[in-house]
Amino acid sequence: MLLSILLYLQVALLPGGIFNVSGASTASTTNYLLVKKGYVMSYDGVQGKANWVAWTLSATDIGDVPRSNRFKQDEDLPRQFKRIDSDDYKYSGYDRGHLCNSEDRSSSFYLNSETFLMSNMIPQTPELNRGPWERLEAYCRKLAKRGQKLTIYAGGIGVIDKIGNEVVIPKYCWKVVISPDKTWYLLFPNSHELHPNWQTFATSKTTLEKMTGLRFP
């Protein structure tokens, strides 16, 4: 029994103590595990999108490195996988929305540049990306600067439509923020009319796990 538990933990726990919420592995095409320097993700190589991205955040991750703004394809993905290009978003009306955001990785040029890989992007309405989603990101950094270490998971679910090279526009964007004191489960409609307060979109762990099919710690 103890051996089984240890083997399970080896599979479930990723660098930084991040939990593998979908059981992603390098053997899967639609649940492919990709470990970056600054975050980890599960990638769907058929649809060309991240299932989820996870990272830790502490005060040392936040620096004064400027935004890279160099959006580019992710060359770490297997060749046969569908890859998204920045041009797929042109004239779509949707932002290239970061999952692991730029400012959470502003301690080094390399880590910041890594957040601009297109595998780390999802189409978001400007109202979401620059509204409550961004305000939640800022709140997380505020906690980190106060000395808290956070673990954050983010992704998109559902389909509104597609843009460019069949890039899926998610119906909802979700986020889980785990702090030493509290865990937030959030579900944001990917729409043009949104309340500015991110806390408005709080939901339960049970609801979010049911909708995403993931198991959160």
C-alpha atoms as a PDB file:
ATOM      1  CA  MET A   1       0.000   0.000   0.000  1.00  0.00           C
ATOM      2  CA  LEU A   2       2.787   2.436   0.958  1.00  0.00           C
ATOM      3  CA  LEU A   3       4.613   1.720  -2.318  1.00  0.00           C
ATOM      4  CA  SER A   4       1.429   2.431  -4.283  1.00  0.00           C
ATOM      5  CA  ILE A   5       1.011   5.760  -2.513  1.00  0.00           C
ATOM      6  CA  LEU A   6       4.614   6.746  -3.200  1.00  0.00           C
ATOM      7  CA  LEU A   7       4.304   5.841  -6.881  1.00  0.00           C
ATOM      8  CA  TYR A   8       1.065   7.829  -7.101  1.00  0.00           C
ATOM      9  CA  LEU A   9       2.734  10.882  -5.579  1.00  0.00           C
ATOM     10  CA  GLN A  10       5.602  10.638  -8.047  1.00  0.00           C
ATOM     11  CA  VAL A  11       3.119  10.774 -10.900  1.00  0.00           C
ATOM     12  CA  ALA A  12       0.815  13.358  -9.325  1.00  0.00           C
ATOM     13  CA  LEU A  13       3.340  15.875  -8.053  1.00  0.00           C
ATOM     14  CA  LEU A  14       5.186  18.022 -10.551  1.00  0.00           C
ATOM     15  CA  PRO A  15       8.091  20.476 -10.063  1.00  0.00           C
ATOM     16  CA  GLY A  16       7.306  23.074  -7.418  1.00  0.00           C
ATOM     17  CA  GLY A  17       4.864  20.725  -5.704  1.00  0.00           C
ATOM     18  CA  ILE A  18       2.237  21.372  -8.381  1.00  0.00           C
ATOM     19  CA  PHE A  19      -0.412  18.675  -8.549  1.00  0.00           C
ATOM     20  CA  ASN A  20      -0.960  16.973 -11.906  1.00  0.00           C
ATOM     21  CA  VAL A  21      -4.692  17.682 -11.979  1.00  0.00           C
ATOM     22  CA  SER A  22      -5.403  15.675 -15.148  1.00  0.00           C
ATOM     23  CA  GLY A  23      -2.777  12.935 -14.911  1.00  0.00           C
ATOM     24  CA  ALA A  24      -1.012  14.439 -17.933  1.00  0.00           C
ATOM     25  CA  SER A  25       1.937  12.533 -19.416  1.00  0.00           C
ATOM     26  CA  THR A  26       4.323  12.704 -22.360  1.00  0.00           C
ATOM     27  CA  ALA A  27       2.669   9.560 -23.706  1.00  0.00           C
ATOM     28  CA  SER A  28      -0.625  11.349 -24.393  1.00  0.00           C
ATOM     29  CA  THR A  29      -1.526  13.437 -27.434  1.00  0.00           C
ATOM     30  CA  THR A  30      -4.523  15.193 -25.916  1.00  0.00           C
ATOM     31  CA  ASN A  31      -3.226  15.406 -22.322  1.00  0.00           C
ATOM     32  CA  TYR A  32       0.458  16.025 -22.998  1.00  0.00           C
ATOM     33  CA  LEU A  33       2.627  17.042 -20.048  1.00  0.00           C
ATOM     34  CA  LEU A  34       4.969  19.943 -20.788  1.00  0.00           C
ATOM     35  CA  VAL A  35       7.294  21.205 -18.053  1.00  0.00           C
ATOM     36  CA  LYS A  36       8.687  24.701 -18.607  1.00  0.00           C
ATOM     37  CA  LYS A  37      11.139  26.648 -16.465  1.00  0.00           C
ATOM     38  CA  GLY A  38       8.414  28.904 -15.110  1.00  0.00           C
ATOM     39  CA  TYR A  39       5.254  26.793 -15.325  1.00  0.00           C
ATOM     40  CA  VAL A  40       3.832  23.403 -16.281  1.00  0.00           C
ATOM     41  CA  MET A  41       0.937  22.571 -18.570  1.00  0.00           C
ATOM     42  CA  SER A  42      -1.259  19.910 -20.064  1.00  0.00           C
ATOM     43  CA  TYR A  43      -1.593  20.440 -23.818  1.00  0.00           C
ATOM     44  CA  ASP A  44      -4.089  19.081 -26.319  1.00  0.00           C
ATOM     45  CA  GLY A  45      -2.045  18.451 -29.472  1.00  0.00           C
ATOM     46  CA  VAL A  46      -5.154  17.742 -31.558  1.00  0.00           C
ATOM     47  CA  GLN A  47      -7.041  20.953 -30.786  1.00  0.00           C
ATOM     48  CA  GLY A  48      -3.886  23.020 -30.282  1.00  0.00           C
ATOM     49  CA  LYS A  49      -4.666  24.418 -26.840  1.00  0.00           C
ATOM     50  CA  ALA A  50      -3.632  24.135 -23.217  1.00  0.00           C
ATOM     51  CA  ASN A  51      -5.965  22.082 -21.049  1.00  0.00           C
ATOM     52  CA  TRP A  52      -4.473  23.813 -18.032  1.00  0.00           C
ATOM     53  CA  VAL A  53      -1.384  25.746 -16.964  1.00  0.00           C
ATOM     54  CA  ALA A  54      -0.069  25.806 -13.391  1.00  0.00           C
ATOM     55  CA  TRP A  55       2.644  27.761 -11.604  1.00  0.00           C
ATOM     56  CA  THR A  56       3.775  28.944  -8.198  1.00  0.00           C
ATOM     57  CA  LEU A  57       4.050  32.592  -7.256  1.00  0.00           C
ATOM     58  CA  SER A  58       6.144  34.217  -4.547  1.00  0.00           C
ATOM     59  CA  ALA A  59       7.790  37.592  -4.058  1.00  0.00           C
ATOM     60  CA  THR A  60      11.010  36.460  -5.757  1.00  0.00           C
ATOM     61  CA  ASP A  61       9.118  35.811  -9.011  1.00  0.00           C
ATOM     62  CA  ILE A  62       8.170  39.481  -9.301  1.00  0.00           C
ATOM     63  CA  GLY A  63      10.846  41.839 -10.611  1.00  0.00           C
ATOM     64  CA  ASP A  64      11.292  44.768 -12.941  1.00  0.00           C
ATOM     65  CA  VAL A  65      11.970  42.961 -16.214  1.00  0.00           C
ATOM     66  CA  PRO A  66       9.852  44.573 -18.973  1.00  0.00           C
ATOM     67  CA  ARG A  67       7.267  42.621 -20.952  1.00  0.00           C
ATOM     68  CA  SER A  68       8.793  40.606 -23.750  1.00  0.00           C
ATOM     69  CA  ASN A  69       5.777  41.077 -26.068  1.00  0.00           C
ATOM     70  CA  ARG A  70       7.339  38.542 -28.463  1.00  0.00           C
ATOM     71  CA  PHE A  71       4.460  36.162 -29.093  1.00  0.00           C
ATOM     72  CA  LYS A  72       5.748  33.008 -30.769  1.00  0.00           C
ATOM     73  CA  GLN A  73       4.998  29.356 -31.434  1.00  0.00           C
ATOM     74  CA  ASP A  74       6.022  26.787 -28.852  1.00  0.00           C
ATOM     75  CA  GLU A  75       8.859  24.784 -30.407  1.00  0.00           C
ATOM     76  CA  ASP A  76       8.956  22.371 -27.456  1.00  0.00           C
ATOM     77  CA  LEU A  77       5.772  20.669 -28.636  1.00  0.00           C
ATOM     78  CA  PRO A  78       6.087  17.458 -30.671  1.00  0.00           C
ATOM     79  CA  ARG A  79       6.184  18.133 -34.417  1.00  0.00           C
ATOM     80  CA  GLN A  80       2.915  16.352 -35.129  1.00  0.00           C
ATOM     81  CA  PHE A  81       1.007  18.517 -32.631  1.00  0.00           C
ATOM     82  CA  LYS A  82      -1.153  21.396 -33.745  1.00  0.00           C
ATOM     83  CA  ARG A  83       0.561  24.684 -32.907  1.00  0.00           C
ATOM     84  CA  ILE A  84      -1.017  28.105 -32.707  1.00  0.00           C
ATOM     85  CA  ASP A  85       0.573  31.158 -34.274  1.00  0.00           C
ATOM     86  CA  SER A  86       0.110  34.748 -33.139  1.00  0.00           C
ATOM     87  CA  ASP A  87      -1.372  35.624 -36.539  1.00  0.00           C
ATOM     88  CA  ASP A  88      -4.311  33.301 -35.805  1.00  0.00           C
ATOM     89  CA  TYR A  89      -5.677  36.050 -33.551  1.00  0.00           C
ATOM     90  CA  LYS A  90      -5.501  38.821 -36.143  1.00  0.00           C
ATOM     91  CA  TYR A  91      -8.747  40.750 -36.692  1.00  0.00           C
ATOM     92  CA  SER A  92     -10.593  38.313 -34.411  1.00  0.00           C
ATOM     93  CA  GLY A  93     -11.531  40.839 -31.739  1.00  0.00           C
ATOM     94  CA  TYR A  94     -10.052  38.547 -29.075  1.00  0.00           C
ATOM     95  CA  ASP A  95      -6.988  39.174 -26.940  1.00  0.00           C
ATOM     96  CA  ARG A  96      -4.104  36.730 -26.673  1.00  0.00           C
ATOM     97  CA  GLY A  97      -4.909  36.017 -23.044  1.00  0.00           C
ATOM     98  CA  HIS A  98      -2.077  34.735 -20.867  1.00  0.00           C
ATOM     99  CA  LEU A  99      -2.716  31.762 -18.613  1.00  0.00           C
ATOM    100  CA  CYS A 100       0.561  32.123 -16.700  1.00  0.00           C
ATOM    101  CA  ASN A 101       0.781  35.897 -16.932  1.00  0.00           C
ATOM    102  CA  SER A 102       3.790  38.022 -17.794  1.00  0.00           C
ATOM    103  CA  GLU A 103       4.130  39.968 -14.549  1.00  0.00           C
ATOM    104  CA  ASP A 104       4.176  36.770 -12.479  1.00  0.00           C
ATOM    105  CA  ARG A 105       7.424  35.967 -14.271  1.00  0.00           C
ATOM    106  CA  SER A 106       9.135  39.362 -14.298  1.00  0.00           C
ATOM    107  CA  SER A 107      12.262  38.306 -12.391  1.00  0.00           C
ATOM    108  CA  SER A 108      14.214  37.304 -15.523  1.00  0.00           C
ATOM    109  CA  PHE A 109      14.106  37.945 -19.260  1.00  0.00           C
ATOM    110  CA  TYR A 110      13.959  34.225 -20.061  1.00  0.00           C
ATOM    111  CA  LEU A 111      11.041  33.472 -17.752  1.00  0.00           C
ATOM    112  CA  ASN A 112       9.105  36.487 -18.998  1.00  0.00           C
ATOM    113  CA  SER A 113       9.717  35.526 -22.604  1.00  0.00           C
ATOM    114  CA  GLU A 114       8.462  32.022 -21.871  1.00  0.00           C
ATOM    115  CA  THR A 115       5.033  33.351 -20.906  1.00  0.00           C
ATOM    116  CA  PHE A 116       4.601  34.686 -24.457  1.00  0.00           C
ATOM    117  CA  LEU A 117       4.611  31.240 -26.047  1.00  0.00           C
ATOM    118  CA  MET A 118       1.320  30.759 -27.880  1.00  0.00           C
ATOM    119  CA  SER A 119       0.700  27.474 -26.059  1.00  0.00           C
ATOM    120  CA  ASN A 120       0.212  29.653 -22.953  1.00  0.00           C
ATOM    121  CA  MET A 121      -2.495  31.778 -24.627  1.00  0.00           C
ATOM    122  CA  ILE A 122      -6.256  31.474 -24.941  1.00  0.00           C
ATOM    123  CA  PRO A 123      -8.637  33.790 -26.820  1.00  0.00           C
ATOM    124  CA  GLN A 124     -10.235  36.132 -24.301  1.00  0.00           C
ATOM    125  CA  THR A 125     -12.542  39.082 -24.760  1.00  0.00           C
ATOM    126  CA  PRO A 126     -10.790  42.382 -24.010  1.00  0.00           C
ATOM    127  CA  GLU A 127     -13.377  42.970 -21.291  1.00  0.00           C
ATOM    128  CA  LEU A 128     -12.290  39.783 -19.484  1.00  0.00           C
ATOM    129  CA  ASN A 129      -8.552  39.902 -20.148  1.00  0.00           C
ATOM    130  CA  ARG A 130      -8.177  43.557 -19.155  1.00  0.00           C
ATOM    131  CA  GLY A 131     -10.930  43.476 -16.546  1.00  0.00           C
ATOM    132  CA  PRO A 132     -11.575  41.032 -13.682  1.00  0.00           C
ATOM    133  CA  TRP A 133      -8.995  38.513 -14.974  1.00  0.00           C
ATOM    134  CA  GLU A 134      -6.256  41.154 -14.790  1.00  0.00           C
ATOM    135  CA  ARG A 135      -7.483  42.404 -11.416  1.00  0.00           C
ATOM    136  CA  LEU A 136      -7.238  38.879 -10.011  1.00  0.00           C
ATOM    137  CA  GLU A 137      -3.673  38.622 -11.316  1.00  0.00           C
ATOM    138  CA  ALA A 138      -2.793  41.874  -9.554  1.00  0.00           C
ATOM    139  CA  TYR A 139      -4.379  40.644  -6.312  1.00  0.00           C
ATOM    140  CA  CYS A 140      -2.299  37.450  -6.441  1.00  0.00           C
ATOM    141  CA  ARG A 141       0.890  39.475  -6.816  1.00  0.00           C
ATOM    142  CA  LYS A 142      -0.175  41.633  -3.874  1.00  0.00           C
ATOM    143  CA  LEU A 143      -0.429  38.514  -1.703  1.00  0.00           C
ATOM    144  CA  ALA A 144       2.923  37.258  -2.969  1.00  0.00           C
ATOM    145  CA  LYS A 145       4.617  40.552  -2.121  1.00  0.00           C
ATOM    146  CA  ARG A 146       3.240  40.211   1.406  1.00  0.00           C
ATOM    147  CA  GLY A 147       5.198  36.984   1.759  1.00  0.00           C
ATOM    148  CA  GLN A 148       2.643  34.368   0.744  1.00  0.00           C
ATOM    149  CA  LYS A 149       3.478  31.555  -1.676  1.00  0.00           C
ATOM    150  CA  LEU A 150       0.627  30.788  -4.067  1.00  0.00           C
ATOM    151  CA  THR A 151      -0.089  27.898  -6.393  1.00  0.00           C
ATOM    152  CA  ILE A 152      -2.234  28.863  -9.372  1.00  0.00           C
ATOM    153  CA  TYR A 153      -4.030  26.803 -12.019  1.00  0.00           C
ATOM    154  CA  ALA A 154      -5.771  28.307 -15.068  1.00  0.00           C
ATOM    155  CA  GLY A 155      -7.482  27.210 -18.259  1.00  0.00           C
ATOM    156  CA  GLY A 156     -10.514  27.464 -20.496  1.00  0.00           C
ATOM    157  CA  ILE A 157     -13.496  25.181 -21.115  1.00  0.00           C
ATOM    158  CA  GLY A 158     -16.312  24.959 -23.626  1.00  0.00           C
ATOM    159  CA  VAL A 159     -16.463  26.353 -27.149  1.00  0.00           C
ATOM    160  CA  ILE A 160     -18.019  29.600 -28.348  1.00  0.00           C
ATOM    161  CA  ASP A 161     -16.483  29.587 -31.814  1.00  0.00           C
ATOM    162  CA  LYS A 162     -13.109  29.307 -33.530  1.00  0.00           C
ATOM    163  CA  ILE A 163     -10.689  31.828 -35.014  1.00  0.00           C
ATOM    164  CA  GLY A 164      -7.692  31.647 -37.326  1.00  0.00           C
ATOM    165  CA  ASN A 165      -6.389  28.117 -37.722  1.00  0.00           C
ATOM    166  CA  GLU A 166      -9.363  26.600 -35.877  1.00  0.00           C
ATOM    167  CA  VAL A 167      -8.291  28.130 -32.551  1.00  0.00           C
ATOM    168  CA  VAL A 168     -10.936  27.337 -29.946  1.00  0.00           C
ATOM    169  CA  ILE A 169     -12.553  30.306 -28.197  1.00  0.00           C
ATOM    170  CA  PRO A 170     -13.464  29.010 -24.724  1.00  0.00           C
ATOM    171  CA  LYS A 171     -16.901  29.681 -23.318  1.00  0.00           C
ATOM    172  CA  TYR A 172     -15.461  30.055 -19.826  1.00  0.00           C
ATOM    173  CA  CYS A 173     -12.036  30.830 -18.395  1.00  0.00           C
ATOM    174  CA  TRP A 174     -11.306  29.424 -14.976  1.00  0.00           C
ATOM    175  CA  LYS A 175      -8.688  29.835 -12.278  1.00  0.00           C
ATOM    176  CA  VAL A 176      -7.798  28.197  -8.962  1.00  0.00           C
ATOM    177  CA  VAL A 177      -5.662  30.199  -6.525  1.00  0.00           C
ATOM    178  CA  ILE A 178      -4.285  28.363  -3.499  1.00  0.00           C
ATOM    179  CA  SER A 179      -2.796  30.483  -0.705  1.00  0.00           C
ATOM    180  CA  PRO A 180      -1.721  29.445   2.814  1.00  0.00           C
ATOM    181  CA  ASP A 181      -4.963  30.930   4.154  1.00  0.00           C
ATOM    182  CA  LYS A 182      -7.587  30.289   1.511  1.00  0.00           C
ATOM    183  CA  THR A 183      -8.361  28.709  -1.859  1.00  0.00           C
ATOM    184  CA  TRP A 184     -10.391  30.505  -4.525  1.00  0.00           C
ATOM    185  CA  TYR A 185     -12.225  28.669  -7.325  1.00  0.00           C
ATOM    186  CA  LEU A 186     -13.261  31.061 -10.080  1.00  0.00           C
ATOM    187  CA  LEU A 187     -15.252  30.708 -13.283  1.00  0.00           C
ATOM    188  CA  PHE A 188     -15.407  33.655 -15.686  1.00  0.00           C
ATOM    189  CA  PRO A 189     -17.733  33.835 -18.715  1.00  0.00           C
ATOM    190  CA  ASN A 190     -15.653  34.753 -21.762  1.00  0.00           C
ATOM    191  CA  SER A 191     -18.040  37.547 -22.649  1.00  0.00           C
ATOM    192  CA  HIS A 192     -18.153  41.275 -23.310  1.00  0.00           C
ATOM    193  CA  GLU A 193     -20.318  42.236 -20.338  1.00  0.00           C
ATOM    194  CA  LEU A 194     -18.682  41.410 -17.025  1.00  0.00           C
ATOM    195  CA  HIS A 195     -18.769  42.684 -13.476  1.00  0.00           C
ATOM    196  CA  PRO A 196     -15.400  44.335 -12.720  1.00  0.00           C
ATOM    197  CA  ASN A 197     -14.988  42.575  -9.347  1.00  0.00           C
ATOM    198  CA  TRP A 198     -13.262  39.196  -9.823  1.00  0.00           C
ATOM    199  CA  GLN A 199     -14.742  37.858  -6.583  1.00  0.00           C
ATOM    200  CA  THR A 200     -18.149  37.944  -8.268  1.00  0.00           C
ATOM    201  CA  PHE A 201     -17.095  34.854 -10.207  1.00  0.00           C
ATOM    202  CA  ALA A 202     -16.304  32.624  -7.232  1.00  0.00           C
ATOM    203  CA  THR A 203     -17.650  29.092  -7.452  1.00  0.00           C
ATOM    204  CA  SER A 204     -17.213  25.840  -5.525  1.00  0.00           C
ATOM    205  CA  LYS A 205     -14.501  23.227  -5.920  1.00  0.00           C
ATOM    206  CA  THR A 206     -17.148  20.622  -6.706  1.00  0.00           C
ATOM    207  CA  THR A 207     -18.675  22.736  -9.476  1.00  0.00           C
ATOM    208  CA  LEU A 208     -15.338  23.575 -11.067  1.00  0.00           C
ATOM    209  CA  GLU A 209     -14.101  19.985 -10.947  1.00  0.00           C
ATOM    210  CA  LYS A 210     -17.345  18.787 -12.529  1.00  0.00           C
ATOM    211  CA  MET A 211     -17.149  21.355 -15.338  1.00  0.00           C
ATOM    212  CA  THR A 212     -13.437  20.895 -16.083  1.00  0.00           C
ATOM    213  CA  GLY A 213     -13.099  17.188 -15.416  1.00  0.00           C
ATOM    214  CA  LEU A 214     -10.002  17.945 -13.311  1.00  0.00           C
ATOM    215  CA  ARG A 215      -9.124  17.062  -9.715  1.00  0.00           C
ATOM    216  CA  PHE A 216      -7.764  19.971  -7.741  1.00  0.00           C
ATOM    217  CA  PRO A 217      -5.693  19.588  -4.558  1.00  0.00           C
END
